Structure formats: C-alpha cells, structure tokens
Amino acid sequence: MRLFKLPMRQLVFIFSILFLTSTYAQTATDPAKNPDEMIKQFSLLHRDLMPKVAVADMFYGCNLSQEKQFSFKELIIDMDKDQLASKLIVCLGEDNLASDVALNFGIKACFIDQLSHLEETEQQKSLNQVNNALAKLSRAERQKSFTQCVNNQTLKYLSQ
C-alpha cells in the first residue's frame, strides 16, 4: 500500500528535496555550506551508501533462515562493507551476487525493511504479495523493483 499516489521517482525527488531543505535550514548560519555544496555532499553520500544497502538486503534475505539474525541497522550502519560482502558470499554459497537467488533475497529483505512499520499480519500479507510478484516478474522488472526499494532505504538511512 502506497501512502502517496505519486510515481516513485517523484516521491524520491520530493523526499530528497525535503532532506536537503531541512539540512540547509540547520546549516544556514554556516557560510561555508551553500546549497550546491550540500547537494553534491548528499549525492556522494547516497552514491556511497546505496551499494552497501543492496548487499545488506541480499545478506539479510539470505540470512533469514540462519540462527544468528542481524538487524538492518546493524548491517547498514555498524558493519564494515567488506565484512558484510564476505558474509554475503559465504551465505550465498554456490550462487553469486548477480544470481537470481541473490536478487530475490535482496528484494524480499528490502520489502521486509520497508514494511517494518506495519503490524505483523499486514507485514505477512504484503510479503506474500511480494513473493507472488517475484514468481511472475521478469529479471529486469525485479532488478528495477530492487533498485527503487534500495534507493528508498538509502534515503531512510541517510536521514538517521
């Protein structure tokens, strides 16, 4: 269920602008930070964090059946990116990062994080819809969905 009826790109753009505006308001007294510099800084942070979020999603999804569970915050904020990548490679076993298995793990985990604010029954209902959609979508469509979901997560973690 989407809260807004705008296309995802517009929502991401709007949230990015809101983030930048709030950041600018907090630093408006600092003459060294101008809007162009802040946009550049935000873009760099986003670019650097997005791959880590994608790997964290794949690992989280792969790790769901394991005894030791990690939180998204622990994976994205606290864990070193190289350690995270190593854990994902071990978890995937015979599969690689570009496999359909890894992509499906990533999509499922990304949606788990995006739906975490819902009650348990609503989460499960939505995850069942995600699983049904995964079976029907082409790889290109699943990759696009994963990219959009990771982008949204990245924006969420940048604002924390």
C-alpha atoms as a PDB file:
ATOM      1  CA  MET A   1       0.000   0.000   0.000  1.00  0.00           C
ATOM      2  CA  ARG A   2       1.459   3.345  -1.003  1.00  0.00           C
ATOM      3  CA  LEU A   3       0.837   6.365   1.130  1.00  0.00           C
ATOM      4  CA  PHE A   4       1.077   8.737  -1.805  1.00  0.00           C
ATOM      5  CA  LYS A   5      -0.302   8.387  -5.307  1.00  0.00           C
ATOM      6  CA  LEU A   6       2.748   9.914  -6.969  1.00  0.00           C
ATOM      7  CA  PRO A   7       5.193   7.909  -9.079  1.00  0.00           C
ATOM      8  CA  MET A   8       8.140   6.581  -7.067  1.00  0.00           C
ATOM      9  CA  ARG A   9      10.667   8.861  -8.835  1.00  0.00           C
ATOM     10  CA  GLN A  10       8.688  11.928  -7.862  1.00  0.00           C
ATOM     11  CA  LEU A  11       8.423  10.739  -4.261  1.00  0.00           C
ATOM     12  CA  VAL A  12      12.154  10.113  -4.072  1.00  0.00           C
ATOM     13  CA  PHE A  13      12.836  13.535  -5.570  1.00  0.00           C
ATOM     14  CA  ILE A  14      10.437  15.227  -3.147  1.00  0.00           C
ATOM     15  CA  PHE A  15      11.924  13.439  -0.124  1.00  0.00           C
ATOM     16  CA  SER A  16      15.420  14.305  -1.319  1.00  0.00           C
ATOM     17  CA  ILE A  17      14.481  17.966  -1.594  1.00  0.00           C
ATOM     18  CA  LEU A  18      12.863  17.872   1.863  1.00  0.00           C
ATOM     19  CA  PHE A  19      16.002  16.302   3.280  1.00  0.00           C
ATOM     20  CA  LEU A  20      18.216  18.891   1.629  1.00  0.00           C
ATOM     21  CA  THR A  21      15.939  21.728   2.727  1.00  0.00           C
ATOM     22  CA  SER A  22      15.973  20.584   6.347  1.00  0.00           C
ATOM     23  CA  THR A  23      19.743  20.135   6.207  1.00  0.00           C
ATOM     24  CA  TYR A  24      20.116  23.597   4.684  1.00  0.00           C
ATOM     25  CA  ALA A  25      17.931  25.126   7.388  1.00  0.00           C
ATOM     26  CA  GLN A  26      20.142  23.559  10.050  1.00  0.00           C
ATOM     27  CA  THR A  27      23.342  24.834   8.437  1.00  0.00           C
ATOM     28  CA  ALA A  28      22.145  28.156   7.029  1.00  0.00           C
ATOM     29  CA  THR A  29      24.296  30.021   9.533  1.00  0.00           C
ATOM     30  CA  ASP A  30      27.430  28.303   8.210  1.00  0.00           C
ATOM     31  CA  PRO A  31      28.582  30.328   5.184  1.00  0.00           C
ATOM     32  CA  ALA A  32      30.914  27.526   4.122  1.00  0.00           C
ATOM     33  CA  LYS A  33      27.923  25.346   3.216  1.00  0.00           C
ATOM     34  CA  ASN A  34      25.981  26.529   0.215  1.00  0.00           C
ATOM     35  CA  PRO A  35      23.098  24.656  -1.445  1.00  0.00           C
ATOM     36  CA  ASP A  36      25.239  23.424  -4.348  1.00  0.00           C
ATOM     37  CA  GLU A  37      27.806  22.002  -1.937  1.00  0.00           C
ATOM     38  CA  MET A  38      25.094  20.340   0.127  1.00  0.00           C
ATOM     39  CA  ILE A  39      23.543  18.736  -2.965  1.00  0.00           C
ATOM     40  CA  LYS A  40      26.954  17.450  -4.002  1.00  0.00           C
ATOM     41  CA  GLN A  41      27.603  16.102  -0.493  1.00  0.00           C
ATOM     42  CA  PHE A  42      24.188  14.409  -0.383  1.00  0.00           C
ATOM     43  CA  SER A  43      24.743  12.857  -3.815  1.00  0.00           C
ATOM     44  CA  LEU A  44      28.116  11.471  -2.761  1.00  0.00           C
ATOM     45  CA  LEU A  45      26.727  10.038   0.464  1.00  0.00           C
ATOM     46  CA  HIS A  46      23.814   8.479  -1.403  1.00  0.00           C
ATOM     47  CA  ARG A  47      26.086   7.024  -4.090  1.00  0.00           C
ATOM     48  CA  ASP A  48      28.414   5.525  -1.473  1.00  0.00           C
ATOM     49  CA  LEU A  49      25.696   4.055   0.742  1.00  0.00           C
ATOM     50  CA  MET A  50      23.405   2.577  -1.910  1.00  0.00           C
ATOM     51  CA  PRO A  51      25.644  -0.415  -2.814  1.00  0.00           C
ATOM     52  CA  LYS A  52      26.092  -1.256   0.866  1.00  0.00           C
ATOM     53  CA  VAL A  53      22.326  -1.188   1.390  1.00  0.00           C
ATOM     54  CA  ALA A  54      21.864  -3.541  -1.593  1.00  0.00           C
ATOM     55  CA  VAL A  55      24.433  -6.003  -0.206  1.00  0.00           C
ATOM     56  CA  ALA A  56      22.876  -5.730   3.263  1.00  0.00           C
ATOM     57  CA  ASP A  57      19.476  -6.590   1.795  1.00  0.00           C
ATOM     58  CA  MET A  58      20.838  -9.629  -0.036  1.00  0.00           C
ATOM     59  CA  PHE A  59      22.628 -10.825   3.076  1.00  0.00           C
ATOM     60  CA  TYR A  60      19.628 -10.186   5.324  1.00  0.00           C
ATOM     61  CA  GLY A  61      17.387 -12.156   2.957  1.00  0.00           C
ATOM     62  CA  CYS A  62      19.905 -14.975   2.671  1.00  0.00           C
ATOM     63  CA  ASN A  63      20.447 -14.988   6.414  1.00  0.00           C
ATOM     64  CA  LEU A  64      16.746 -15.179   7.362  1.00  0.00           C
ATOM     65  CA  SER A  65      16.901 -18.917   7.984  1.00  0.00           C
ATOM     66  CA  GLN A  66      20.151 -18.744   9.952  1.00  0.00           C
ATOM     67  CA  GLU A  67      20.452 -18.964  13.715  1.00  0.00           C
ATOM     68  CA  LYS A  68      22.176 -15.574  14.146  1.00  0.00           C
ATOM     69  CA  GLN A  69      19.936 -12.788  12.880  1.00  0.00           C
ATOM     70  CA  PHE A  70      21.241  -9.289  12.223  1.00  0.00           C
ATOM     71  CA  SER A  71      19.159  -6.115  12.209  1.00  0.00           C
ATOM     72  CA  PHE A  72      19.182  -3.851   9.166  1.00  0.00           C
ATOM     73  CA  LYS A  73      20.657  -1.061  11.244  1.00  0.00           C
ATOM     74  CA  GLU A  74      23.485  -3.325  12.377  1.00  0.00           C
ATOM     75  CA  LEU A  75      24.236  -4.339   8.783  1.00  0.00           C
ATOM     76  CA  ILE A  76      23.978  -0.902   7.199  1.00  0.00           C
ATOM     77  CA  ILE A  77      25.234   1.437   9.903  1.00  0.00           C
ATOM     78  CA  ASP A  78      27.531  -0.666  12.083  1.00  0.00           C
ATOM     79  CA  MET A  79      29.062  -3.398   9.908  1.00  0.00           C
ATOM     80  CA  ASP A  80      32.081  -2.748   7.687  1.00  0.00           C
ATOM     81  CA  LYS A  81      31.207  -3.093   3.987  1.00  0.00           C
ATOM     82  CA  ASP A  82      33.963  -5.654   3.358  1.00  0.00           C
ATOM     83  CA  GLN A  83      32.829  -7.800   6.269  1.00  0.00           C
ATOM     84  CA  LEU A  84      29.249  -7.553   5.016  1.00  0.00           C
ATOM     85  CA  ALA A  85      30.269  -8.598   1.495  1.00  0.00           C
ATOM     86  CA  SER A  86      32.243 -11.562   2.866  1.00  0.00           C
ATOM     87  CA  LYS A  87      29.283 -12.715   4.927  1.00  0.00           C
ATOM     88  CA  LEU A  88      27.019 -12.482   1.875  1.00  0.00           C
ATOM     89  CA  ILE A  89      29.398 -14.544  -0.269  1.00  0.00           C
ATOM     90  CA  VAL A  90      29.530 -17.259   2.404  1.00  0.00           C
ATOM     91  CA  CYS A  91      25.756 -17.207   2.817  1.00  0.00           C
ATOM     92  CA  LEU A  92      25.112 -17.469  -0.936  1.00  0.00           C
ATOM     93  CA  GLY A  93      27.402 -20.483  -1.283  1.00  0.00           C
ATOM     94  CA  GLU A  94      27.261 -21.667  -4.897  1.00  0.00           C
ATOM     95  CA  ASP A  95      25.317 -18.601  -6.054  1.00  0.00           C
ATOM     96  CA  ASN A  96      26.952 -15.247  -6.794  1.00  0.00           C
ATOM     97  CA  LEU A  97      25.919 -11.630  -6.270  1.00  0.00           C
ATOM     98  CA  ALA A  98      24.456 -11.397  -9.785  1.00  0.00           C
ATOM     99  CA  SER A  99      22.288 -14.506  -9.417  1.00  0.00           C
ATOM    100  CA  ASP A 100      18.511 -14.591  -9.356  1.00  0.00           C
ATOM    101  CA  VAL A 101      18.748 -16.113  -5.882  1.00  0.00           C
ATOM    102  CA  ALA A 102      20.693 -13.102  -4.561  1.00  0.00           C
ATOM    103  CA  LEU A 103      18.329 -10.679  -6.305  1.00  0.00           C
ATOM    104  CA  ASN A 104      15.277 -12.384  -4.808  1.00  0.00           C
ATOM    105  CA  PHE A 105      16.866 -12.367  -1.342  1.00  0.00           C
ATOM    106  CA  GLY A 106      17.553  -8.662  -1.757  1.00  0.00           C
ATOM    107  CA  ILE A 107      14.028  -7.822  -2.870  1.00  0.00           C
ATOM    108  CA  LYS A 108      12.426  -9.770  -0.056  1.00  0.00           C
ATOM    109  CA  ALA A 109      14.678  -8.225   2.598  1.00  0.00           C
ATOM    110  CA  CYS A 110      14.252  -4.719   1.217  1.00  0.00           C
ATOM    111  CA  PHE A 111      10.494  -5.037   1.430  1.00  0.00           C
ATOM    112  CA  ILE A 112      10.738  -6.505   4.930  1.00  0.00           C
ATOM    113  CA  ASP A 113      12.559  -3.347   5.985  1.00  0.00           C
ATOM    114  CA  GLN A 114      10.129  -1.092   4.117  1.00  0.00           C
ATOM    115  CA  LEU A 115       7.149  -2.839   5.742  1.00  0.00           C
ATOM    116  CA  SER A 116       8.605  -2.959   9.254  1.00  0.00           C
ATOM    117  CA  HIS A 117       6.285  -0.201  10.458  1.00  0.00           C
ATOM    118  CA  LEU A 118       3.203  -2.367   9.780  1.00  0.00           C
ATOM    119  CA  GLU A 119       1.545  -4.789  12.173  1.00  0.00           C
ATOM    120  CA  GLU A 120       2.694  -8.419  11.872  1.00  0.00           C
ATOM    121  CA  THR A 121      -0.419  -9.595   9.986  1.00  0.00           C
ATOM    122  CA  GLU A 122      -0.184  -6.732   7.480  1.00  0.00           C
ATOM    123  CA  GLN A 123       3.531  -7.381   7.022  1.00  0.00           C
ATOM    124  CA  GLN A 124       2.908 -11.051   6.274  1.00  0.00           C
ATOM    125  CA  LYS A 125       0.087 -10.254   3.858  1.00  0.00           C
ATOM    126  CA  SER A 126       2.280  -7.772   1.996  1.00  0.00           C
ATOM    127  CA  LEU A 127       5.244 -10.177   1.936  1.00  0.00           C
ATOM    128  CA  ASN A 128       3.018 -12.863   0.449  1.00  0.00           C
ATOM    129  CA  GLN A 129       2.161 -10.405  -2.323  1.00  0.00           C
ATOM    130  CA  VAL A 130       5.867  -9.706  -2.836  1.00  0.00           C
ATOM    131  CA  ASN A 131       6.607 -13.441  -3.086  1.00  0.00           C
ATOM    132  CA  ASN A 132       3.770 -13.923  -5.590  1.00  0.00           C
ATOM    133  CA  ALA A 133       5.025 -10.993  -7.662  1.00  0.00           C
ATOM    134  CA  LEU A 134       8.588 -12.347  -7.647  1.00  0.00           C
ATOM    135  CA  ALA A 135       7.368 -15.516  -9.321  1.00  0.00           C
ATOM    136  CA  LYS A 136       5.700 -13.527 -12.129  1.00  0.00           C
ATOM    137  CA  LEU A 137       8.141 -10.676 -12.793  1.00  0.00           C
ATOM    138  CA  SER A 138      10.967 -10.825 -15.296  1.00  0.00           C
ATOM    139  CA  ARG A 139      14.527 -10.373 -14.078  1.00  0.00           C
ATOM    140  CA  ALA A 140      14.608  -6.830 -15.498  1.00  0.00           C
ATOM    141  CA  GLU A 141      11.420  -5.935 -13.615  1.00  0.00           C
ATOM    142  CA  ARG A 142      12.731  -7.483 -10.389  1.00  0.00           C
ATOM    143  CA  GLN A 143      16.029  -5.598 -10.790  1.00  0.00           C
ATOM    144  CA  LYS A 144      14.160  -2.327 -11.287  1.00  0.00           C
ATOM    145  CA  SER A 145      11.994  -3.006  -8.226  1.00  0.00           C
ATOM    146  CA  PHE A 146      15.065  -3.832  -6.153  1.00  0.00           C
ATOM    147  CA  THR A 147      16.867  -0.672  -7.271  1.00  0.00           C
ATOM    148  CA  GLN A 148      13.887   1.506  -6.356  1.00  0.00           C
ATOM    149  CA  CYS A 149      13.475  -0.186  -2.984  1.00  0.00           C
ATOM    150  CA  VAL A 150      17.199   0.138  -2.175  1.00  0.00           C
ATOM    151  CA  ASN A 151      17.104   3.794  -3.184  1.00  0.00           C
ATOM    152  CA  ASN A 152      14.249   4.403  -0.740  1.00  0.00           C
ATOM    153  CA  GLN A 153      16.096   2.563   2.023  1.00  0.00           C
ATOM    154  CA  THR A 154      19.252   4.537   1.352  1.00  0.00           C
ATOM    155  CA  LEU A 155      17.348   7.789   1.754  1.00  0.00           C
ATOM    156  CA  LYS A 156      15.929   6.473   5.031  1.00  0.00           C
ATOM    157  CA  TYR A 157      19.342   5.564   6.412  1.00  0.00           C
ATOM    158  CA  LEU A 158      20.911   8.837   5.261  1.00  0.00           C
ATOM    159  CA  SER A 159      18.385  10.737   7.332  1.00  0.00           C
ATOM    160  CA  GLN A 160      19.208   8.821  10.532  1.00  0.00           C
END
